[in-house]
Amino acid sequence: MDHIELEKVLPAEIEARSFEIITEELGDIPLIPGTEPIVKRCIHTSADFDYAKNLVFSEGVVKHALNALRNGASIVTDTQMGKAGINKKKLAKYGGEVFCFMSDEDVARAAKEQGTTRATASMDKAAALDQKLIFAIGNAPTALVRLYELIREGRLNPELIIAVPVGFVNVVQSKELILKLEHVPSIVARGRKGGSNIAACICNALLYMLE
């Protein structure tokens, strides 16, 4: 077996060392003040430095999102994987919880009756909740399209939209729709990259920033 020199890092120090490496490798790439922990956590989750350039933050979004979480906002995801990745214990400390309606029978029934996707129907169900909501969308462009429609119709006023679906079909276009909502706080991964893991890690980055 060839000899490979491994860096000696204690298990408890791996994450801290990872963030040191990320900071070193980012070098002089300019990041918007206050967004650094979010960008770095996305890079940490994906090992993809493109997030330093493709994440778009609406003005004042981080401060607004932190206030919303502090005041008990809940999070709606479009996948069970996204829901699983969010630190629910930290969120519960502030009175929030995580919802994913994709597997609900009434959502499946509504999608079938209306000829839409479950993601679309689950956004309709979320819009009926009477509470502060953050939407973390990492998979379904149709969820973003429906959010855009609900907001334009005055039926939804989210605290934050995290728009980071991954893929090739309508992904880029759906993210651009969210960017058109100038008065809605948003964090958008422009282009094709993203995923449920990125949606969850942005939520977690915000939660860790509360401490």
N, C-alpha and C. Protein backbone atom coordinates (compact mmCIF):
# COMPACT_ATOMS: atom_id res chain seq x y z
N MET A 1 0.84 -1.20 0.00
CA MET A 1 0.00 0.00 0.00
C MET A 1 0.88 1.26 0.00
N ASP A 2 0.57 2.20 -0.89
CA ASP A 2 1.34 3.43 -0.95
C ASP A 2 1.17 4.23 0.34
N HIS A 3 2.24 4.91 0.71
CA HIS A 3 2.18 5.74 1.92
C HIS A 3 1.53 7.09 1.59
N ILE A 4 0.48 7.41 2.32
CA ILE A 4 -0.19 8.71 2.15
C ILE A 4 -0.09 9.46 3.46
N GLU A 5 0.38 10.70 3.39
CA GLU A 5 0.53 11.51 4.59
C GLU A 5 -0.81 12.15 4.95
N LEU A 6 -1.37 11.75 6.09
CA LEU A 6 -2.64 12.31 6.55
C LEU A 6 -2.41 13.41 7.57
N GLU A 7 -3.23 14.42 7.51
CA GLU A 7 -3.14 15.50 8.50
C GLU A 7 -3.64 14.97 9.83
N LYS A 8 -2.91 15.24 10.89
CA LYS A 8 -3.30 14.75 12.22
C LYS A 8 -4.27 15.75 12.86
N VAL A 9 -5.54 15.37 12.90
CA VAL A 9 -6.57 16.24 13.46
C VAL A 9 -7.46 15.40 14.38
N LEU A 10 -7.67 15.88 15.59
CA LEU A 10 -8.56 15.17 16.51
C LEU A 10 -9.99 15.25 15.99
N PRO A 11 -10.82 14.19 16.23
CA PRO A 11 -12.20 14.19 15.73
C PRO A 11 -12.98 15.46 16.07
N ALA A 12 -12.80 15.94 17.30
CA ALA A 12 -13.54 17.13 17.75
C ALA A 12 -13.10 18.40 17.02
N GLU A 13 -11.94 18.33 16.37
CA GLU A 13 -11.39 19.53 15.73
C GLU A 13 -11.56 19.54 14.21
N ILE A 14 -12.15 18.47 13.65
CA ILE A 14 -12.24 18.35 12.19
C ILE A 14 -13.04 19.49 11.58
N GLU A 15 -14.20 19.82 12.17
CA GLU A 15 -15.02 20.88 11.58
C GLU A 15 -14.29 22.22 11.63
N ALA A 16 -13.69 22.53 12.78
CA ALA A 16 -12.97 23.80 12.91
C ALA A 16 -11.82 23.87 11.90
N ARG A 17 -11.11 22.76 11.72
CA ARG A 17 -10.00 22.73 10.76
C ARG A 17 -10.53 22.90 9.33
N SER A 18 -11.68 22.29 9.05
CA SER A 18 -12.29 22.42 7.72
C SER A 18 -12.59 23.88 7.42
N PHE A 19 -13.15 24.59 8.41
CA PHE A 19 -13.48 26.00 8.20
C PHE A 19 -12.22 26.86 8.03
N GLU A 20 -11.14 26.46 8.71
CA GLU A 20 -9.87 27.17 8.53
C GLU A 20 -9.38 27.02 7.09
N ILE A 21 -9.48 25.80 6.56
CA ILE A 21 -9.04 25.53 5.18
C ILE A 21 -9.91 26.33 4.20
N ILE A 22 -11.22 26.33 4.45
CA ILE A 22 -12.14 27.08 3.58
C ILE A 22 -11.77 28.57 3.57
N THR A 23 -11.52 29.13 4.76
CA THR A 23 -11.16 30.55 4.86
C THR A 23 -9.86 30.83 4.11
N GLU A 24 -8.88 29.91 4.27
CA GLU A 24 -7.59 30.08 3.57
C GLU A 24 -7.79 30.06 2.06
N GLU A 25 -8.57 29.09 1.58
CA GLU A 25 -8.72 28.90 0.13
C GLU A 25 -9.61 29.97 -0.49
N LEU A 26 -10.51 30.56 0.30
CA LEU A 26 -11.31 31.67 -0.23
C LEU A 26 -10.43 32.89 -0.52
N GLY A 27 -9.38 33.03 0.26
CA GLY A 27 -8.43 34.11 0.04
C GLY A 27 -9.09 35.47 0.00
N ASP A 28 -8.93 36.16 -1.12
CA ASP A 28 -9.44 37.53 -1.25
C ASP A 28 -10.81 37.60 -1.92
N ILE A 29 -11.47 36.48 -2.11
CA ILE A 29 -12.81 36.52 -2.74
C ILE A 29 -13.72 37.33 -1.83
N PRO A 30 -14.32 38.41 -2.34
CA PRO A 30 -15.14 39.26 -1.47
C PRO A 30 -16.49 38.62 -1.13
N LEU A 31 -16.83 38.59 0.15
CA LEU A 31 -18.13 38.10 0.59
C LEU A 31 -18.88 39.25 1.25
N ILE A 32 -20.19 39.26 1.12
CA ILE A 32 -21.00 40.33 1.72
C ILE A 32 -20.87 40.22 3.24
N PRO A 33 -20.49 41.31 3.92
CA PRO A 33 -20.37 41.26 5.39
C PRO A 33 -21.65 40.72 6.03
N GLY A 34 -21.48 39.77 6.94
CA GLY A 34 -22.62 39.17 7.64
C GLY A 34 -23.09 37.86 7.01
N THR A 35 -22.68 37.61 5.75
CA THR A 35 -23.12 36.38 5.08
C THR A 35 -22.05 35.28 5.14
N GLU A 36 -20.87 35.64 5.65
CA GLU A 36 -19.73 34.70 5.61
C GLU A 36 -20.03 33.32 6.22
N PRO A 37 -20.69 33.26 7.42
CA PRO A 37 -20.94 31.93 7.99
C PRO A 37 -21.83 31.05 7.11
N ILE A 38 -22.74 31.68 6.38
CA ILE A 38 -23.65 30.92 5.51
C ILE A 38 -22.90 30.39 4.29
N VAL A 39 -22.14 31.27 3.66
CA VAL A 39 -21.37 30.86 2.48
C VAL A 39 -20.39 29.74 2.84
N LYS A 40 -19.68 29.93 3.94
CA LYS A 40 -18.68 28.94 4.35
C LYS A 40 -19.31 27.60 4.71
N ARG A 41 -20.50 27.62 5.33
CA ARG A 41 -21.16 26.36 5.66
C ARG A 41 -21.64 25.64 4.40
N CYS A 42 -22.08 26.40 3.40
CA CYS A 42 -22.47 25.77 2.12
C CYS A 42 -21.26 25.10 1.46
N ILE A 43 -20.11 25.78 1.54
CA ILE A 43 -18.88 25.20 0.98
C ILE A 43 -18.47 23.97 1.79
N HIS A 44 -18.60 24.07 3.10
CA HIS A 44 -18.26 22.96 3.99
C HIS A 44 -19.12 21.73 3.69
N THR A 45 -20.40 21.96 3.40
CA THR A 45 -21.34 20.87 3.13
C THR A 45 -21.08 20.21 1.78
N SER A 46 -20.65 21.01 0.80
CA SER A 46 -20.57 20.53 -0.57
C SER A 46 -19.15 20.40 -1.13
N ALA A 47 -18.16 21.00 -0.43
CA ALA A 47 -16.78 21.11 -0.94
C ALA A 47 -16.76 21.83 -2.28
N ASP A 48 -17.72 22.72 -2.49
CA ASP A 48 -17.85 23.44 -3.77
C ASP A 48 -17.72 24.95 -3.52
N PHE A 49 -16.61 25.51 -3.99
CA PHE A 49 -16.35 26.93 -3.75
C PHE A 49 -17.18 27.86 -4.64
N ASP A 50 -17.93 27.29 -5.57
CA ASP A 50 -18.82 28.13 -6.41
C ASP A 50 -19.84 28.88 -5.56
N TYR A 51 -20.17 28.35 -4.38
CA TYR A 51 -21.17 29.02 -3.53
C TYR A 51 -20.69 30.41 -3.06
N ALA A 52 -19.41 30.65 -3.14
CA ALA A 52 -18.89 31.98 -2.80
C ALA A 52 -19.33 33.01 -3.83
N LYS A 53 -19.70 32.51 -5.03
CA LYS A 53 -20.08 33.43 -6.11
C LYS A 53 -21.54 33.33 -6.49
N ASN A 54 -22.15 32.15 -6.32
CA ASN A 54 -23.53 32.01 -6.84
C ASN A 54 -24.63 32.26 -5.81
N LEU A 55 -24.29 32.44 -4.55
CA LEU A 55 -25.33 32.75 -3.56
C LEU A 55 -25.70 34.24 -3.63
N VAL A 56 -26.99 34.50 -3.80
CA VAL A 56 -27.48 35.88 -3.88
C VAL A 56 -28.31 36.17 -2.63
N PHE A 57 -27.95 37.22 -1.91
CA PHE A 57 -28.64 37.59 -0.67
C PHE A 57 -29.42 38.90 -0.90
N SER A 58 -30.71 38.88 -0.62
CA SER A 58 -31.46 40.13 -0.71
C SER A 58 -30.98 41.05 0.42
N GLU A 59 -31.21 42.33 0.25
CA GLU A 59 -30.68 43.32 1.20
C GLU A 59 -31.24 43.10 2.61
N GLY A 60 -30.33 43.02 3.58
CA GLY A 60 -30.74 42.87 4.98
C GLY A 60 -31.34 41.53 5.34
N VAL A 61 -31.17 40.54 4.45
CA VAL A 61 -31.87 39.26 4.65
C VAL A 61 -31.39 38.51 5.89
N VAL A 62 -30.10 38.55 6.18
CA VAL A 62 -29.59 37.78 7.32
C VAL A 62 -30.16 38.30 8.63
N LYS A 63 -30.13 39.60 8.80
CA LYS A 63 -30.69 40.21 10.02
C LYS A 63 -32.17 39.89 10.15
N HIS A 64 -32.90 40.00 9.04
CA HIS A 64 -34.34 39.73 9.05
C HIS A 64 -34.60 38.27 9.41
N ALA A 65 -33.84 37.35 8.81
CA ALA A 65 -34.02 35.91 9.07
C ALA A 65 -33.73 35.56 10.53
N LEU A 66 -32.66 36.16 11.07
CA LEU A 66 -32.31 35.89 12.48
C LEU A 66 -33.40 36.38 13.42
N ASN A 67 -33.96 37.55 13.13
CA ASN A 67 -35.07 38.06 13.94
C ASN A 67 -36.28 37.15 13.86
N ALA A 68 -36.57 36.65 12.66
CA ALA A 68 -37.72 35.76 12.47
C ALA A 68 -37.53 34.47 13.28
N LEU A 69 -36.33 33.90 13.22
CA LEU A 69 -36.06 32.66 13.96
C LEU A 69 -36.13 32.91 15.47
N ARG A 70 -35.58 34.04 15.88
CA ARG A 70 -35.60 34.41 17.30
C ARG A 70 -37.03 34.55 17.81
N ASN A 71 -37.94 34.95 16.91
CA ASN A 71 -39.33 35.16 17.28
C ASN A 71 -40.23 33.98 16.93
N GLY A 72 -39.62 32.80 16.79
CA GLY A 72 -40.41 31.57 16.69
C GLY A 72 -40.85 31.14 15.31
N ALA A 73 -40.21 31.66 14.25
CA ALA A 73 -40.58 31.24 12.90
C ALA A 73 -40.33 29.74 12.72
N SER A 74 -41.21 29.09 11.97
CA SER A 74 -41.03 27.69 11.62
C SER A 74 -40.50 27.59 10.20
N ILE A 75 -40.00 26.40 9.86
CA ILE A 75 -39.39 26.18 8.54
C ILE A 75 -40.19 25.13 7.78
N VAL A 76 -40.46 25.42 6.50
CA VAL A 76 -41.14 24.47 5.62
C VAL A 76 -40.13 24.01 4.56
N THR A 77 -39.96 22.69 4.42
CA THR A 77 -39.05 22.15 3.41
C THR A 77 -39.85 21.41 2.34
N ASP A 78 -39.19 21.15 1.21
CA ASP A 78 -39.85 20.40 0.13
C ASP A 78 -39.36 18.96 0.05
N THR A 79 -38.54 18.53 1.02
CA THR A 79 -38.12 17.12 1.06
C THR A 79 -37.96 16.67 2.52
N GLN A 80 -38.16 15.37 2.73
CA GLN A 80 -37.92 14.80 4.06
C GLN A 80 -36.43 14.87 4.39
N MET A 81 -35.59 14.78 3.36
CA MET A 81 -34.14 14.86 3.57
C MET A 81 -33.75 16.24 4.10
N GLY A 82 -34.35 17.28 3.53
CA GLY A 82 -34.09 18.63 4.01
C GLY A 82 -34.54 18.79 5.45
N LYS A 83 -35.72 18.26 5.74
CA LYS A 83 -36.26 18.32 7.11
C LYS A 83 -35.33 17.60 8.08
N ALA A 84 -34.84 16.42 7.66
CA ALA A 84 -33.96 15.62 8.54
C ALA A 84 -32.66 16.35 8.85
N GLY A 85 -32.18 17.16 7.89
CA GLY A 85 -30.88 17.81 8.07
C GLY A 85 -30.89 19.06 8.93
N ILE A 86 -32.08 19.58 9.22
CA ILE A 86 -32.16 20.83 9.99
C ILE A 86 -32.08 20.53 11.49
N ASN A 87 -31.34 21.34 12.20
CA ASN A 87 -31.16 21.15 13.64
C ASN A 87 -32.44 21.57 14.38
N LYS A 88 -33.32 20.58 14.57
CA LYS A 88 -34.65 20.86 15.15
C LYS A 88 -34.56 21.24 16.63
N LYS A 89 -33.54 20.73 17.31
CA LYS A 89 -33.39 21.04 18.73
C LYS A 89 -33.09 22.53 18.92
N LYS A 90 -32.20 23.07 18.09
CA LYS A 90 -31.87 24.51 18.18
C LYS A 90 -33.09 25.35 17.78
N LEU A 91 -33.80 24.91 16.74
CA LEU A 91 -34.98 25.65 16.28
C LEU A 91 -36.05 25.68 17.37
N ALA A 92 -36.26 24.53 18.04
CA ALA A 92 -37.28 24.42 19.08
C ALA A 92 -36.99 25.34 20.26
N LYS A 93 -35.71 25.64 20.48
CA LYS A 93 -35.32 26.56 21.57
C LYS A 93 -36.00 27.91 21.44
N TYR A 94 -36.30 28.28 20.18
CA TYR A 94 -36.92 29.58 19.92
C TYR A 94 -38.40 29.47 19.58
N GLY A 95 -38.94 28.22 19.69
CA GLY A 95 -40.37 28.03 19.48
C GLY A 95 -40.77 27.60 18.08
N GLY A 96 -39.80 27.36 17.21
CA GLY A 96 -40.11 26.95 15.83
C GLY A 96 -40.07 25.44 15.65
N GLU A 97 -40.67 24.98 14.55
CA GLU A 97 -40.57 23.56 14.18
C GLU A 97 -40.40 23.44 12.67
N VAL A 98 -40.11 22.24 12.20
CA VAL A 98 -39.90 22.02 10.77
C VAL A 98 -41.05 21.20 10.21
N PHE A 99 -41.60 21.67 9.09
CA PHE A 99 -42.68 20.96 8.42
C PHE A 99 -42.23 20.49 7.04
N CYS A 100 -42.66 19.28 6.67
CA CYS A 100 -42.56 18.82 5.29
C CYS A 100 -43.85 18.07 5.00
N PHE A 101 -44.64 18.59 4.07
CA PHE A 101 -45.96 18.02 3.79
C PHE A 101 -45.97 17.09 2.58
N MET A 102 -44.79 16.80 2.03
CA MET A 102 -44.72 16.05 0.77
C MET A 102 -45.34 14.65 0.85
N SER A 103 -45.27 14.02 2.03
CA SER A 103 -45.79 12.65 2.16
C SER A 103 -47.23 12.61 2.67
N ASP A 104 -47.82 13.77 2.92
CA ASP A 104 -49.19 13.80 3.48
C ASP A 104 -50.22 13.34 2.46
N GLU A 105 -51.19 12.55 2.94
CA GLU A 105 -52.21 12.00 2.04
C GLU A 105 -53.04 13.09 1.38
N ASP A 106 -53.39 14.15 2.14
CA ASP A 106 -54.20 15.22 1.55
C ASP A 106 -53.44 15.98 0.48
N VAL A 107 -52.12 16.07 0.62
CA VAL A 107 -51.28 16.73 -0.39
C VAL A 107 -51.24 15.88 -1.67
N ALA A 108 -51.06 14.57 -1.50
CA ALA A 108 -51.05 13.67 -2.66
C ALA A 108 -52.40 13.72 -3.39
N ARG A 109 -53.47 13.75 -2.61
CA ARG A 109 -54.82 13.80 -3.20
C ARG A 109 -55.04 15.11 -3.95
N ALA A 110 -54.64 16.23 -3.33
CA ALA A 110 -54.81 17.55 -3.96
C ALA A 110 -53.99 17.64 -5.25
N ALA A 111 -52.77 17.11 -5.23
CA ALA A 111 -51.92 17.15 -6.42
C ALA A 111 -52.55 16.36 -7.56
N LYS A 112 -53.12 15.21 -7.22
CA LYS A 112 -53.75 14.36 -8.24
C LYS A 112 -55.00 15.04 -8.82
N GLU A 113 -55.82 15.60 -7.94
CA GLU A 113 -57.06 16.26 -8.38
C GLU A 113 -56.78 17.48 -9.24
N GLN A 114 -55.73 18.23 -8.88
CA GLN A 114 -55.44 19.49 -9.58
C GLN A 114 -54.45 19.32 -10.74
N GLY A 115 -53.91 18.10 -10.87
CA GLY A 115 -52.94 17.86 -11.94
C GLY A 115 -51.64 18.61 -11.74
N THR A 116 -51.25 18.79 -10.47
CA THR A 116 -50.00 19.49 -10.15
C THR A 116 -49.03 18.53 -9.47
N THR A 117 -47.90 19.04 -9.04
CA THR A 117 -46.95 18.22 -8.29
C THR A 117 -47.28 18.26 -6.80
N ARG A 118 -46.76 17.30 -6.08
CA ARG A 118 -46.93 17.32 -4.60
C ARG A 118 -46.26 18.56 -4.01
N ALA A 119 -45.16 18.97 -4.62
CA ALA A 119 -44.45 20.16 -4.11
C ALA A 119 -45.36 21.39 -4.20
N THR A 120 -46.09 21.51 -5.31
CA THR A 120 -47.03 22.63 -5.48
C THR A 120 -48.11 22.57 -4.41
N ALA A 121 -48.71 21.37 -4.26
CA ALA A 121 -49.79 21.19 -3.28
C ALA A 121 -49.30 21.41 -1.86
N SER A 122 -48.06 21.04 -1.58
CA SER A 122 -47.54 21.22 -0.22
C SER A 122 -47.32 22.70 0.10
N MET A 123 -47.01 23.50 -0.90
CA MET A 123 -46.88 24.95 -0.68
C MET A 123 -48.25 25.56 -0.37
N ASP A 124 -49.31 25.05 -1.03
CA ASP A 124 -50.67 25.51 -0.73
C ASP A 124 -51.03 25.19 0.72
N LYS A 125 -50.66 23.99 1.16
CA LYS A 125 -50.96 23.60 2.54
C LYS A 125 -50.19 24.49 3.52
N ALA A 126 -48.94 24.79 3.20
CA ALA A 126 -48.13 25.64 4.07
C ALA A 126 -48.72 27.05 4.15
N ALA A 127 -49.24 27.54 3.02
CA ALA A 127 -49.79 28.90 2.98
C ALA A 127 -50.98 29.06 3.91
N ALA A 128 -51.63 27.93 4.24
CA ALA A 128 -52.79 27.98 5.13
C ALA A 128 -52.40 28.00 6.61
N LEU A 129 -51.12 27.81 6.90
CA LEU A 129 -50.65 27.85 8.30
C LEU A 129 -50.65 29.29 8.79
N ASP A 130 -51.12 29.48 9.97
CA ASP A 130 -51.19 30.85 10.52
C ASP A 130 -49.98 31.10 11.42
N GLN A 131 -48.80 31.18 10.80
CA GLN A 131 -47.60 31.46 11.58
C GLN A 131 -46.48 31.99 10.68
N LYS A 132 -45.43 32.49 11.33
CA LYS A 132 -44.27 33.00 10.59
C LYS A 132 -43.56 31.81 9.95
N LEU A 133 -43.26 31.92 8.65
CA LEU A 133 -42.67 30.79 7.93
C LEU A 133 -41.43 31.16 7.14
N ILE A 134 -40.47 30.24 7.19
CA ILE A 134 -39.28 30.29 6.34
C ILE A 134 -39.39 29.07 5.42
N PHE A 135 -39.22 29.28 4.12
CA PHE A 135 -39.29 28.18 3.17
C PHE A 135 -37.87 27.81 2.73
N ALA A 136 -37.52 26.53 2.89
CA ALA A 136 -36.20 26.03 2.51
C ALA A 136 -36.40 25.01 1.39
N ILE A 137 -36.24 25.47 0.15
CA ILE A 137 -36.54 24.65 -1.02
C ILE A 137 -35.24 24.21 -1.69
N GLY A 138 -34.96 22.90 -1.67
CA GLY A 138 -33.71 22.40 -2.22
C GLY A 138 -33.87 21.41 -3.35
N ASN A 139 -35.12 21.14 -3.73
CA ASN A 139 -35.33 20.08 -4.72
C ASN A 139 -36.31 20.44 -5.83
N ALA A 140 -37.43 21.07 -5.49
CA ALA A 140 -38.54 21.20 -6.44
C ALA A 140 -38.73 22.61 -6.98
N PRO A 141 -38.40 22.85 -8.25
CA PRO A 141 -38.68 24.15 -8.86
C PRO A 141 -40.16 24.51 -8.81
N THR A 142 -41.03 23.50 -8.89
CA THR A 142 -42.48 23.80 -8.86
C THR A 142 -42.90 24.41 -7.52
N ALA A 143 -42.18 24.08 -6.45
CA ALA A 143 -42.47 24.69 -5.14
C ALA A 143 -42.17 26.19 -5.20
N LEU A 144 -41.06 26.56 -5.84
CA LEU A 144 -40.71 27.98 -5.97
C LEU A 144 -41.70 28.72 -6.85
N VAL A 145 -42.12 28.08 -7.95
CA VAL A 145 -43.10 28.72 -8.83
C VAL A 145 -44.40 28.97 -8.08
N ARG A 146 -44.83 27.99 -7.27
CA ARG A 146 -46.07 28.16 -6.50
C ARG A 146 -45.91 29.24 -5.44
N LEU A 147 -44.76 29.29 -4.78
CA LEU A 147 -44.52 30.35 -3.79
C LEU A 147 -44.62 31.72 -4.46
N TYR A 148 -44.02 31.84 -5.63
CA TYR A 148 -44.08 33.10 -6.39
C TYR A 148 -45.53 33.50 -6.65
N GLU A 149 -46.35 32.53 -7.08
CA GLU A 149 -47.76 32.80 -7.37
C GLU A 149 -48.53 33.21 -6.12
N LEU A 150 -48.32 32.46 -5.03
CA LEU A 150 -49.03 32.74 -3.77
C LEU A 150 -48.68 34.13 -3.23
N ILE A 151 -47.42 34.50 -3.36
CA ILE A 151 -46.99 35.83 -2.89
C ILE A 151 -47.59 36.92 -3.75
N ARG A 152 -47.56 36.72 -5.08
CA ARG A 152 -48.13 37.72 -5.99
C ARG A 152 -49.64 37.87 -5.80
N GLU A 153 -50.29 36.76 -5.36
CA GLU A 153 -51.74 36.81 -5.12
C GLU A 153 -52.08 37.37 -3.74
N GLY A 154 -51.06 37.67 -2.95
CA GLY A 154 -51.28 38.21 -1.61
C GLY A 154 -51.74 37.17 -0.59
N ARG A 155 -51.50 35.90 -0.89
CA ARG A 155 -51.95 34.82 0.00
C ARG A 155 -50.82 34.31 0.91
N LEU A 156 -49.64 34.86 0.75
CA LEU A 156 -48.50 34.40 1.53
C LEU A 156 -47.50 35.53 1.69
N ASN A 157 -46.95 35.64 2.91
CA ASN A 157 -45.94 36.67 3.18
C ASN A 157 -44.82 36.03 4.00
N PRO A 158 -43.93 35.27 3.32
CA PRO A 158 -42.91 34.53 4.06
C PRO A 158 -41.85 35.42 4.69
N GLU A 159 -41.28 34.93 5.78
CA GLU A 159 -40.17 35.64 6.44
C GLU A 159 -38.89 35.52 5.61
N LEU A 160 -38.77 34.40 4.89
CA LEU A 160 -37.56 34.13 4.10
C LEU A 160 -37.85 33.00 3.13
N ILE A 161 -37.30 33.11 1.92
CA ILE A 161 -37.29 31.98 0.98
C ILE A 161 -35.84 31.62 0.71
N ILE A 162 -35.49 30.38 1.02
CA ILE A 162 -34.18 29.83 0.66
C ILE A 162 -34.43 29.03 -0.62
N ALA A 163 -33.98 29.58 -1.75
CA ALA A 163 -34.28 28.98 -3.06
C ALA A 163 -33.02 28.34 -3.63
N VAL A 164 -32.87 27.04 -3.37
CA VAL A 164 -31.64 26.35 -3.79
C VAL A 164 -31.90 24.98 -4.41
N PRO A 165 -32.95 24.82 -5.26
CA PRO A 165 -33.12 23.53 -5.91
C PRO A 165 -31.92 23.21 -6.81
N VAL A 166 -31.67 21.92 -6.97
CA VAL A 166 -30.58 21.46 -7.84
C VAL A 166 -31.19 20.79 -9.07
N GLY A 167 -30.53 20.91 -10.22
CA GLY A 167 -31.03 20.18 -11.38
C GLY A 167 -30.98 20.96 -12.67
N PHE A 168 -31.77 20.48 -13.65
CA PHE A 168 -31.66 20.98 -15.02
C PHE A 168 -32.97 21.51 -15.60
N VAL A 169 -34.12 20.99 -15.12
CA VAL A 169 -35.39 21.39 -15.73
C VAL A 169 -36.08 22.46 -14.87
N ASN A 170 -36.18 23.66 -15.41
CA ASN A 170 -36.85 24.80 -14.75
C ASN A 170 -36.20 25.26 -13.45
N VAL A 171 -35.03 24.74 -13.14
CA VAL A 171 -34.34 25.11 -11.90
C VAL A 171 -33.87 26.56 -11.94
N VAL A 172 -33.14 26.90 -12.98
CA VAL A 172 -32.59 28.26 -13.11
C VAL A 172 -33.72 29.28 -13.17
N GLN A 173 -34.76 28.96 -13.99
CA GLN A 173 -35.87 29.91 -14.18
C GLN A 173 -36.66 30.13 -12.88
N SER A 174 -36.89 29.08 -12.12
CA SER A 174 -37.68 29.22 -10.88
C SER A 174 -36.94 30.07 -9.86
N LYS A 175 -35.62 29.96 -9.82
CA LYS A 175 -34.83 30.79 -8.90
C LYS A 175 -34.88 32.26 -9.31
N GLU A 176 -34.85 32.49 -10.61
CA GLU A 176 -34.92 33.88 -11.10
C GLU A 176 -36.28 34.51 -10.76
N LEU A 177 -37.35 33.69 -10.75
CA LEU A 177 -38.67 34.19 -10.35
C LEU A 177 -38.63 34.73 -8.93
N ILE A 178 -37.98 33.98 -8.03
CA ILE A 178 -37.89 34.41 -6.63
C ILE A 178 -37.10 35.71 -6.53
N LEU A 179 -36.06 35.85 -7.34
CA LEU A 179 -35.26 37.07 -7.32
C LEU A 179 -36.06 38.29 -7.79
N LYS A 180 -37.13 38.06 -8.52
CA LYS A 180 -37.99 39.17 -8.97
C LYS A 180 -38.86 39.72 -7.84
N LEU A 181 -39.01 38.94 -6.76
CA LEU A 181 -39.83 39.38 -5.62
C LEU A 181 -38.98 40.29 -4.74
N GLU A 182 -38.87 41.54 -5.14
CA GLU A 182 -37.92 42.46 -4.52
C GLU A 182 -38.14 42.69 -3.03
N HIS A 183 -39.38 42.57 -2.57
CA HIS A 183 -39.67 42.87 -1.17
C HIS A 183 -39.73 41.61 -0.29
N VAL A 184 -39.38 40.47 -0.87
CA VAL A 184 -39.39 39.22 -0.10
C VAL A 184 -37.95 38.84 0.24
N PRO A 185 -37.62 38.68 1.53
CA PRO A 185 -36.26 38.28 1.91
C PRO A 185 -35.92 36.92 1.29
N SER A 186 -34.76 36.84 0.65
CA SER A 186 -34.41 35.58 -0.01
C SER A 186 -32.91 35.33 -0.01
N ILE A 187 -32.57 34.04 -0.03
CA ILE A 187 -31.21 33.58 -0.27
C ILE A 187 -31.33 32.59 -1.43
N VAL A 188 -30.70 32.91 -2.55
CA VAL A 188 -30.88 32.12 -3.77
C VAL A 188 -29.53 31.65 -4.29
N ALA A 189 -29.44 30.35 -4.64
CA ALA A 189 -28.24 29.83 -5.28
C ALA A 189 -28.48 29.89 -6.79
N ARG A 190 -27.98 30.95 -7.41
CA ARG A 190 -28.20 31.13 -8.85
C ARG A 190 -27.58 29.98 -9.65
N GLY A 191 -28.26 29.59 -10.72
CA GLY A 191 -27.73 28.51 -11.56
C GLY A 191 -28.32 27.17 -11.19
N ARG A 192 -27.62 26.11 -11.56
CA ARG A 192 -28.14 24.74 -11.41
C ARG A 192 -27.82 24.09 -10.06
N LYS A 193 -26.86 24.65 -9.34
CA LYS A 193 -26.41 23.98 -8.12
C LYS A 193 -27.32 24.24 -6.93
N GLY A 194 -27.27 23.31 -5.97
CA GLY A 194 -28.07 23.43 -4.76
C GLY A 194 -28.34 22.04 -4.20
N GLY A 195 -29.51 21.86 -3.63
CA GLY A 195 -29.89 20.55 -3.09
C GLY A 195 -30.48 20.67 -1.69
N SER A 196 -31.12 19.60 -1.26
CA SER A 196 -31.74 19.58 0.08
C SER A 196 -30.70 19.77 1.17
N ASN A 197 -29.49 19.24 0.94
CA ASN A 197 -28.43 19.41 1.94
C ASN A 197 -28.02 20.88 2.06
N ILE A 198 -28.03 21.60 0.94
CA ILE A 198 -27.69 23.02 0.97
C ILE A 198 -28.80 23.83 1.64
N ALA A 199 -30.06 23.47 1.35
CA ALA A 199 -31.19 24.14 2.00
C ALA A 199 -31.11 23.99 3.51
N ALA A 200 -30.81 22.76 3.96
CA ALA A 200 -30.71 22.49 5.40
C ALA A 200 -29.52 23.21 6.00
N CYS A 201 -28.40 23.23 5.30
CA CYS A 201 -27.20 23.83 5.90
C CYS A 201 -27.33 25.35 6.01
N ILE A 202 -28.09 25.98 5.11
CA ILE A 202 -28.33 27.42 5.25
C ILE A 202 -29.19 27.68 6.48
N CYS A 203 -30.21 26.84 6.69
CA CYS A 203 -31.04 26.96 7.91
C CYS A 203 -30.17 26.80 9.15
N ASN A 204 -29.29 25.80 9.14
CA ASN A 204 -28.44 25.56 10.30
C ASN A 204 -27.44 26.68 10.52
N ALA A 205 -26.89 27.23 9.44
CA ALA A 205 -25.96 28.35 9.57
C ALA A 205 -26.64 29.51 10.28
N LEU A 206 -27.88 29.79 9.90
CA LEU A 206 -28.65 30.87 10.55
C LEU A 206 -28.89 30.55 12.02
N LEU A 207 -29.25 29.30 12.30
CA LEU A 207 -29.52 28.91 13.69
C LEU A 207 -28.26 29.03 14.55
N TYR A 208 -27.10 28.65 14.00
CA TYR A 208 -25.84 28.74 14.76
C TYR A 208 -25.45 30.20 14.97
N MET A 209 -25.86 31.08 14.05
CA MET A 209 -25.56 32.51 14.18
C MET A 209 -26.34 33.17 15.30
N LEU A 210 -27.40 32.50 15.78
CA LEU A 210 -28.19 33.06 16.89
C LEU A 210 -27.47 32.95 18.22
N GLU A 211 -26.43 32.10 18.27
CA GLU A 211 -25.80 31.82 19.58
C GLU A 211 -24.62 32.73 19.85
